[in-house]
Amino acid sequence: MSNEATMPEDPIRRQDLVRPEHLKEAPVPPLPSVQGLDDAQASTTFSHYRTGLSNHRTQLSEHRTQLSEFRTDLSRYRTKLSTHRTEMSKRRTGMSFQRTRLSAERTLMSVLRTSLSLISFGFTIFQFFGKLQESKLIERAHAARNFGTILVVLGTLMLLVGIVYHIQFMRGLRGTRDLMIRDGNIHGQSTFPVSYTLVVAFLVLLLGLFAVGSMMFRIGPLG
């Protein structure tokens, strides 16, 4: 069951953002002339003029309010997009750690295959020429058997170096991932499982050590 954080739905959608129409330019009411009018008539005339100015300012204010609301909605929509982009970036970063981990697993598998080939091929050469020498089919097999021993030692050392490099790399990757989780840069909901490739690599390393011991010192289960 996923425990991924879900963001609240924002009611603002792109199609809902409609910019207010441009306000048609209306001229300011002209200043009335009160010549020849008495005080009462002049006061009434100026009162009507002030009412016209007030209506003009109200119209401008309403348009500014509409523009402000549009800018607010647009800002909220952009914030929503930015939040989604940040969320996707976090998830892509988290997945990149998993891809990097799998890449390290594949690298270790490549080292494991090469080492196993060297160990098995070298041990086969060692045993084959040893049996030929025991059967008196050939007199000397030291060069071939030494070559087989070198291949087994080389494969074992190669696998040992690959295991050490893999452990160091994974420790650094886990440390970086934990740091980014604490900083909130990624969610870190998926875990790094136990590396079965590393377990198999350890087993093959033991096999290589047993093979080297049996070939050089005649000890171990392969001796």
C-alpha atoms as a PDB file:
ATOM      1  CA  MET A   1       0.000   0.000   0.000  1.00  0.00           C
ATOM      2  CA  SER A   2       1.468   3.317  -1.019  1.00  0.00           C
ATOM      3  CA  ASN A   3       1.894   6.026   1.573  1.00  0.00           C
ATOM      4  CA  GLU A   4       2.734   8.744  -0.897  1.00  0.00           C
ATOM      5  CA  ALA A   5       1.758  12.235   0.115  1.00  0.00           C
ATOM      6  CA  THR A   6      -1.140  13.641  -1.889  1.00  0.00           C
ATOM      7  CA  MET A   7      -1.500  17.305  -2.567  1.00  0.00           C
ATOM      8  CA  PRO A   8      -4.854  19.033  -2.034  1.00  0.00           C
ATOM      9  CA  GLU A   9      -6.805  19.705  -5.164  1.00  0.00           C
ATOM     10  CA  ASP A  10      -6.795  23.322  -6.247  1.00  0.00           C
ATOM     11  CA  PRO A  11     -10.129  24.423  -7.738  1.00  0.00           C
ATOM     12  CA  ILE A  12      -8.349  26.762 -10.151  1.00  0.00           C
ATOM     13  CA  ARG A  13      -7.897  25.274 -13.600  1.00  0.00           C
ATOM     14  CA  ARG A  14      -6.197  26.694 -16.653  1.00  0.00           C
ATOM     15  CA  GLN A  15      -9.442  27.028 -18.571  1.00  0.00           C
ATOM     16  CA  ASP A  16     -10.981  28.973 -15.687  1.00  0.00           C
ATOM     17  CA  LEU A  17      -8.424  31.764 -15.977  1.00  0.00           C
ATOM     18  CA  VAL A  18     -10.072  34.414 -18.141  1.00  0.00           C
ATOM     19  CA  ARG A  19      -8.454  37.801 -18.360  1.00  0.00           C
ATOM     20  CA  PRO A  20     -10.914  40.691 -17.909  1.00  0.00           C
ATOM     21  CA  GLU A  21     -11.694  42.604 -21.069  1.00  0.00           C
ATOM     22  CA  HIS A  22      -9.905  45.849 -21.615  1.00  0.00           C
ATOM     23  CA  LEU A  23     -11.809  48.751 -20.142  1.00  0.00           C
ATOM     24  CA  LYS A  24     -13.048  51.089 -22.795  1.00  0.00           C
ATOM     25  CA  GLU A  25     -11.500  54.462 -22.308  1.00  0.00           C
ATOM     26  CA  ALA A  26     -14.121  56.871 -20.996  1.00  0.00           C
ATOM     27  CA  PRO A  27     -13.374  60.571 -20.930  1.00  0.00           C
ATOM     28  CA  VAL A  28     -13.434  62.407 -17.629  1.00  0.00           C
ATOM     29  CA  PRO A  29     -16.663  64.407 -17.307  1.00  0.00           C
ATOM     30  CA  PRO A  30     -15.987  68.014 -18.356  1.00  0.00           C
ATOM     31  CA  LEU A  31     -15.995  70.707 -15.747  1.00  0.00           C
ATOM     32  CA  PRO A  32     -19.418  72.382 -15.888  1.00  0.00           C
ATOM     33  CA  SER A  33     -19.843  76.108 -16.315  1.00  0.00           C
ATOM     34  CA  VAL A  34     -21.790  77.879 -13.535  1.00  0.00           C
ATOM     35  CA  GLN A  35     -21.745  81.357 -14.950  1.00  0.00           C
ATOM     36  CA  GLY A  36     -25.120  83.056 -14.616  1.00  0.00           C
ATOM     37  CA  LEU A  37     -26.356  80.536 -12.052  1.00  0.00           C
ATOM     38  CA  ASP A  38     -27.253  81.321  -8.483  1.00  0.00           C
ATOM     39  CA  ASP A  39     -25.624  79.575  -5.539  1.00  0.00           C
ATOM     40  CA  ALA A  40     -28.193  76.794  -5.257  1.00  0.00           C
ATOM     41  CA  GLN A  41     -28.077  75.986  -8.957  1.00  0.00           C
ATOM     42  CA  ALA A  42     -24.260  76.108  -8.971  1.00  0.00           C
ATOM     43  CA  SER A  43     -24.102  73.784  -5.980  1.00  0.00           C
ATOM     44  CA  THR A  44     -26.464  71.329  -7.676  1.00  0.00           C
ATOM     45  CA  THR A  45     -24.450  71.456 -10.879  1.00  0.00           C
ATOM     46  CA  PHE A  46     -21.183  70.766  -9.054  1.00  0.00           C
ATOM     47  CA  SER A  47     -22.871  68.001  -7.098  1.00  0.00           C
ATOM     48  CA  HIS A  48     -23.872  66.279 -10.350  1.00  0.00           C
ATOM     49  CA  TYR A  49     -20.328  66.747 -11.594  1.00  0.00           C
ATOM     50  CA  ARG A  50     -18.864  65.169  -8.460  1.00  0.00           C
ATOM     51  CA  THR A  51     -21.291  62.254  -8.852  1.00  0.00           C
ATOM     52  CA  GLY A  52     -20.068  61.720 -12.428  1.00  0.00           C
ATOM     53  CA  LEU A  53     -16.443  61.777 -11.252  1.00  0.00           C
ATOM     54  CA  SER A  54     -17.312  59.335  -8.492  1.00  0.00           C
ATOM     55  CA  ASN A  55     -18.969  56.971 -10.976  1.00  0.00           C
ATOM     56  CA  HIS A  56     -15.925  57.236 -13.237  1.00  0.00           C
ATOM     57  CA  ARG A  57     -13.560  56.414 -10.364  1.00  0.00           C
ATOM     58  CA  THR A  58     -15.814  53.528  -9.270  1.00  0.00           C
ATOM     59  CA  GLN A  59     -15.700  52.055 -12.760  1.00  0.00           C
ATOM     60  CA  LEU A  60     -11.908  52.288 -12.792  1.00  0.00           C
ATOM     61  CA  SER A  61     -11.706  50.788  -9.305  1.00  0.00           C
ATOM     62  CA  GLU A  62     -13.927  47.841 -10.263  1.00  0.00           C
ATOM     63  CA  HIS A  63     -11.740  47.136 -13.287  1.00  0.00           C
ATOM     64  CA  ARG A  64      -8.609  47.290 -11.156  1.00  0.00           C
ATOM     65  CA  THR A  65     -10.249  44.856  -8.708  1.00  0.00           C
ATOM     66  CA  GLN A  66     -11.015  42.438 -11.546  1.00  0.00           C
ATOM     67  CA  LEU A  67      -7.434  42.639 -12.760  1.00  0.00           C
ATOM     68  CA  SER A  68      -6.158  42.087  -9.223  1.00  0.00           C
ATOM     69  CA  GLU A  69      -8.358  39.007  -8.810  1.00  0.00           C
ATOM     70  CA  PHE A  70      -7.145  37.686 -12.141  1.00  0.00           C
ATOM     71  CA  ARG A  71      -3.523  38.211 -11.117  1.00  0.00           C
ATOM     72  CA  THR A  72      -4.210  36.467  -7.802  1.00  0.00           C
ATOM     73  CA  ASP A  73      -5.785  33.455  -9.521  1.00  0.00           C
ATOM     74  CA  LEU A  74      -2.956  33.360 -12.026  1.00  0.00           C
ATOM     75  CA  SER A  75      -0.423  33.467  -9.220  1.00  0.00           C
ATOM     76  CA  ARG A  76      -2.163  30.599  -7.425  1.00  0.00           C
ATOM     77  CA  TYR A  77      -2.234  28.588 -10.652  1.00  0.00           C
ATOM     78  CA  ARG A  78       1.482  29.167 -11.191  1.00  0.00           C
ATOM     79  CA  THR A  79       2.141  28.172  -7.581  1.00  0.00           C
ATOM     80  CA  LYS A  80       0.180  24.990  -8.159  1.00  0.00           C
ATOM     81  CA  LEU A  81       2.249  24.200 -11.257  1.00  0.00           C
ATOM     82  CA  SER A  82       5.439  24.938  -9.357  1.00  0.00           C
ATOM     83  CA  THR A  83       4.352  22.607  -6.535  1.00  0.00           C
ATOM     84  CA  HIS A  84       3.638  19.837  -9.024  1.00  0.00           C
ATOM     85  CA  ARG A  85       6.999  20.365 -10.723  1.00  0.00           C
ATOM     86  CA  THR A  86       8.764  20.226  -7.358  1.00  0.00           C
ATOM     87  CA  GLU A  87       6.897  17.041  -6.472  1.00  0.00           C
ATOM     88  CA  MET A  88       7.821  15.429  -9.784  1.00  0.00           C
ATOM     89  CA  SER A  89      11.423  16.502  -9.347  1.00  0.00           C
ATOM     90  CA  LYS A  90      11.561  14.839  -5.926  1.00  0.00           C
ATOM     91  CA  ARG A  91      10.150  11.624  -7.320  1.00  0.00           C
ATOM     92  CA  ARG A  92      12.501  11.637 -10.319  1.00  0.00           C
ATOM     93  CA  THR A  93      15.446  12.174  -7.970  1.00  0.00           C
ATOM     94  CA  GLY A  94      14.282   9.286  -5.789  1.00  0.00           C
ATOM     95  CA  MET A  95      13.984   7.040  -8.826  1.00  0.00           C
ATOM     96  CA  SER A  96      17.444   8.082 -10.017  1.00  0.00           C
ATOM     97  CA  PHE A  97      18.880   6.698  -6.766  1.00  0.00           C
ATOM     98  CA  GLN A  98      17.189   3.379  -7.495  1.00  0.00           C
ATOM     99  CA  ARG A  99      18.542   3.390 -11.055  1.00  0.00           C
ATOM    100  CA  THR A 100      22.022   4.137  -9.731  1.00  0.00           C
ATOM    101  CA  ARG A 101      21.712   1.273  -7.242  1.00  0.00           C
ATOM    102  CA  LEU A 102      20.649  -1.120  -9.995  1.00  0.00           C
ATOM    103  CA  SER A 103      23.531   0.081 -12.156  1.00  0.00           C
ATOM    104  CA  ALA A 104      25.949  -0.722  -9.321  1.00  0.00           C
ATOM    105  CA  GLU A 105      24.332  -4.169  -9.049  1.00  0.00           C
ATOM    106  CA  ARG A 106      24.872  -4.777 -12.755  1.00  0.00           C
ATOM    107  CA  THR A 107      28.492  -3.667 -12.451  1.00  0.00           C
ATOM    108  CA  LEU A 108      29.066  -6.135  -9.618  1.00  0.00           C
ATOM    109  CA  MET A 109      27.370  -8.857 -11.658  1.00  0.00           C
ATOM    110  CA  SER A 110      29.768  -8.166 -14.535  1.00  0.00           C
ATOM    111  CA  VAL A 111      32.739  -8.446 -12.171  1.00  0.00           C
ATOM    112  CA  LEU A 112      31.238 -11.625 -10.733  1.00  0.00           C
ATOM    113  CA  ARG A 113      30.823 -13.227 -14.163  1.00  0.00           C
ATOM    114  CA  THR A 114      34.367 -12.359 -15.196  1.00  0.00           C
ATOM    115  CA  SER A 115      35.844 -13.573 -11.909  1.00  0.00           C
ATOM    116  CA  LEU A 116      33.867 -16.804 -12.007  1.00  0.00           C
ATOM    117  CA  SER A 117      35.060 -17.429 -15.559  1.00  0.00           C
ATOM    118  CA  LEU A 118      38.693 -16.908 -14.549  1.00  0.00           C
ATOM    119  CA  ILE A 119      38.375 -19.083 -11.447  1.00  0.00           C
ATOM    120  CA  SER A 120      36.586 -21.954 -13.180  1.00  0.00           C
ATOM    121  CA  PHE A 121      38.821 -21.824 -16.262  1.00  0.00           C
ATOM    122  CA  GLY A 122      42.019 -21.648 -14.205  1.00  0.00           C
ATOM    123  CA  PHE A 123      40.924 -24.467 -11.882  1.00  0.00           C
ATOM    124  CA  THR A 124      39.980 -26.616 -14.885  1.00  0.00           C
ATOM    125  CA  ILE A 125      43.412 -26.089 -16.456  1.00  0.00           C
ATOM    126  CA  PHE A 126      45.116 -26.919 -13.162  1.00  0.00           C
ATOM    127  CA  GLN A 127      43.155 -30.128 -12.638  1.00  0.00           C
ATOM    128  CA  PHE A 128      43.330 -31.215 -16.293  1.00  0.00           C
ATOM    129  CA  PHE A 129      47.096 -31.021 -16.581  1.00  0.00           C
ATOM    130  CA  GLY A 130      47.479 -32.503 -13.110  1.00  0.00           C
ATOM    131  CA  LYS A 131      45.498 -35.575 -14.155  1.00  0.00           C
ATOM    132  CA  LEU A 132      47.538 -35.845 -17.336  1.00  0.00           C
ATOM    133  CA  GLN A 133      50.740 -35.785 -15.320  1.00  0.00           C
ATOM    134  CA  GLU A 134      49.415 -38.368 -12.854  1.00  0.00           C
ATOM    135  CA  SER A 135      48.462 -40.612 -15.794  1.00  0.00           C
ATOM    136  CA  LYS A 136      52.024 -40.301 -17.175  1.00  0.00           C
ATOM    137  CA  LEU A 137      50.659 -38.884 -20.411  1.00  0.00           C
ATOM    138  CA  ILE A 138      52.915 -35.867 -20.023  1.00  0.00           C
ATOM    139  CA  GLU A 139      56.095 -35.502 -18.022  1.00  0.00           C
ATOM    140  CA  ARG A 140      55.935 -31.867 -16.936  1.00  0.00           C
ATOM    141  CA  ALA A 141      52.832 -29.768 -16.349  1.00  0.00           C
ATOM    142  CA  HIS A 142      54.215 -27.106 -14.029  1.00  0.00           C
ATOM    143  CA  ALA A 143      53.856 -24.225 -16.526  1.00  0.00           C
ATOM    144  CA  ALA A 144      50.239 -25.032 -17.354  1.00  0.00           C
ATOM    145  CA  ARG A 145      49.322 -25.640 -13.712  1.00  0.00           C
ATOM    146  CA  ASN A 146      51.015 -22.403 -12.655  1.00  0.00           C
ATOM    147  CA  PHE A 147      49.074 -20.590 -15.359  1.00  0.00           C
ATOM    148  CA  GLY A 148      45.840 -22.078 -14.025  1.00  0.00           C
ATOM    149  CA  THR A 149      46.770 -21.024 -10.487  1.00  0.00           C
ATOM    150  CA  ILE A 150      47.474 -17.478 -11.656  1.00  0.00           C
ATOM    151  CA  LEU A 151      44.060 -17.321 -13.336  1.00  0.00           C
ATOM    152  CA  VAL A 152      42.314 -18.451 -10.159  1.00  0.00           C
ATOM    153  CA  VAL A 153      44.269 -15.974  -8.010  1.00  0.00           C
ATOM    154  CA  LEU A 154      43.586 -13.189 -10.518  1.00  0.00           C
ATOM    155  CA  GLY A 155      39.853 -13.962 -10.576  1.00  0.00           C
ATOM    156  CA  THR A 156      39.700 -14.074  -6.770  1.00  0.00           C
ATOM    157  CA  LEU A 157      41.541 -10.769  -6.386  1.00  0.00           C
ATOM    158  CA  MET A 158      39.374  -9.162  -9.061  1.00  0.00           C
ATOM    159  CA  LEU A 159      36.239 -10.263  -7.240  1.00  0.00           C
ATOM    160  CA  LEU A 160      37.612  -9.026  -3.909  1.00  0.00           C
ATOM    161  CA  VAL A 161      38.340  -5.585  -5.365  1.00  0.00           C
ATOM    162  CA  GLY A 162      34.888  -5.500  -6.972  1.00  0.00           C
ATOM    163  CA  ILE A 163      33.186  -6.321  -3.661  1.00  0.00           C
ATOM    164  CA  VAL A 164      35.149  -3.650  -1.771  1.00  0.00           C
ATOM    165  CA  TYR A 165      34.385  -1.042  -4.440  1.00  0.00           C
ATOM    166  CA  HIS A 166      30.684  -1.981  -4.445  1.00  0.00           C
ATOM    167  CA  ILE A 167      30.413  -1.692  -0.655  1.00  0.00           C
ATOM    168  CA  GLN A 168      32.159   1.692  -0.597  1.00  0.00           C
ATOM    169  CA  PHE A 169      30.022   3.019  -3.454  1.00  0.00           C
ATOM    170  CA  MET A 170      26.761   1.832  -1.869  1.00  0.00           C
ATOM    171  CA  ARG A 171      27.700   3.324   1.508  1.00  0.00           C
ATOM    172  CA  GLY A 172      28.310   6.687  -0.152  1.00  0.00           C
ATOM    173  CA  LEU A 173      25.067   6.423  -2.145  1.00  0.00           C
ATOM    174  CA  ARG A 174      23.045   5.549   0.959  1.00  0.00           C
ATOM    175  CA  GLY A 175      24.633   8.426   2.889  1.00  0.00           C
ATOM    176  CA  THR A 176      23.776  10.924   0.146  1.00  0.00           C
ATOM    177  CA  ARG A 177      20.233   9.563  -0.082  1.00  0.00           C
ATOM    178  CA  ASP A 178      19.688   9.764   3.691  1.00  0.00           C
ATOM    179  CA  LEU A 179      20.966  13.341   3.703  1.00  0.00           C
ATOM    180  CA  MET A 180      18.577  14.353   0.920  1.00  0.00           C
ATOM    181  CA  ILE A 181      15.695  12.651   2.742  1.00  0.00           C
ATOM    182  CA  ARG A 182      16.449  14.624   5.907  1.00  0.00           C
ATOM    183  CA  ASP A 183      16.580  17.850   3.869  1.00  0.00           C
ATOM    184  CA  GLY A 184      13.213  17.037   2.281  1.00  0.00           C
ATOM    185  CA  ASN A 185      14.598  16.924  -1.260  1.00  0.00           C
ATOM    186  CA  ILE A 186      13.244  13.424  -1.891  1.00  0.00           C
ATOM    187  CA  HIS A 187      10.547  11.303  -0.267  1.00  0.00           C
ATOM    188  CA  GLY A 188      12.649   8.187   0.296  1.00  0.00           C
ATOM    189  CA  GLN A 189       9.612   5.906   0.585  1.00  0.00           C
ATOM    190  CA  SER A 190      11.247   3.083  -1.360  1.00  0.00           C
ATOM    191  CA  THR A 191      13.977   1.151   0.430  1.00  0.00           C
ATOM    192  CA  PHE A 192      17.317  -0.261  -0.631  1.00  0.00           C
ATOM    193  CA  PRO A 193      16.839  -4.051  -0.322  1.00  0.00           C
ATOM    194  CA  VAL A 194      19.571  -6.525   0.517  1.00  0.00           C
ATOM    195  CA  SER A 195      21.906  -7.027  -2.432  1.00  0.00           C
ATOM    196  CA  TYR A 196      21.623 -10.693  -3.396  1.00  0.00           C
ATOM    197  CA  THR A 197      24.349 -10.126  -5.947  1.00  0.00           C
ATOM    198  CA  LEU A 198      26.679  -9.126  -3.126  1.00  0.00           C
ATOM    199  CA  VAL A 199      25.756 -12.279  -1.186  1.00  0.00           C
ATOM    200  CA  VAL A 200      26.514 -14.443  -4.213  1.00  0.00           C
ATOM    201  CA  ALA A 201      29.755 -12.532  -4.763  1.00  0.00           C
ATOM    202  CA  PHE A 202      30.852 -13.364  -1.197  1.00  0.00           C
ATOM    203  CA  LEU A 203      30.067 -17.037  -1.793  1.00  0.00           C
ATOM    204  CA  VAL A 204      32.042 -17.075  -5.039  1.00  0.00           C
ATOM    205  CA  LEU A 205      34.909 -15.311  -3.235  1.00  0.00           C
ATOM    206  CA  LEU A 206      34.956 -18.118  -0.665  1.00  0.00           C
ATOM    207  CA  LEU A 207      34.946 -20.613  -3.515  1.00  0.00           C
ATOM    208  CA  GLY A 208      37.921 -18.860  -5.072  1.00  0.00           C
ATOM    209  CA  LEU A 209      39.801 -18.868  -1.776  1.00  0.00           C
ATOM    210  CA  PHE A 210      39.108 -22.572  -1.330  1.00  0.00           C
ATOM    211  CA  ALA A 211      40.330 -23.185  -4.872  1.00  0.00           C
ATOM    212  CA  VAL A 212      43.543 -21.221  -4.269  1.00  0.00           C
ATOM    213  CA  GLY A 213      44.146 -23.102  -0.995  1.00  0.00           C
ATOM    214  CA  SER A 214      43.623 -26.482  -2.592  1.00  0.00           C
ATOM    215  CA  MET A 215      45.825 -25.645  -5.572  1.00  0.00           C
ATOM    216  CA  MET A 216      48.713 -24.091  -3.672  1.00  0.00           C
ATOM    217  CA  PHE A 217      48.638 -25.817  -0.280  1.00  0.00           C
ATOM    218  CA  ARG A 218      46.517 -28.945  -0.879  1.00  0.00           C
ATOM    219  CA  ILE A 219      44.050 -27.889   1.822  1.00  0.00           C
ATOM    220  CA  GLY A 220      40.361 -27.224   1.906  1.00  0.00           C
ATOM    221  CA  PRO A 221      37.371 -29.044   0.460  1.00  0.00           C
ATOM    222  CA  LEU A 222      38.778 -28.857  -3.074  1.00  0.00           C
ATOM    223  CA  GLY A 223      42.180 -30.250  -2.183  1.00  0.00           C
END
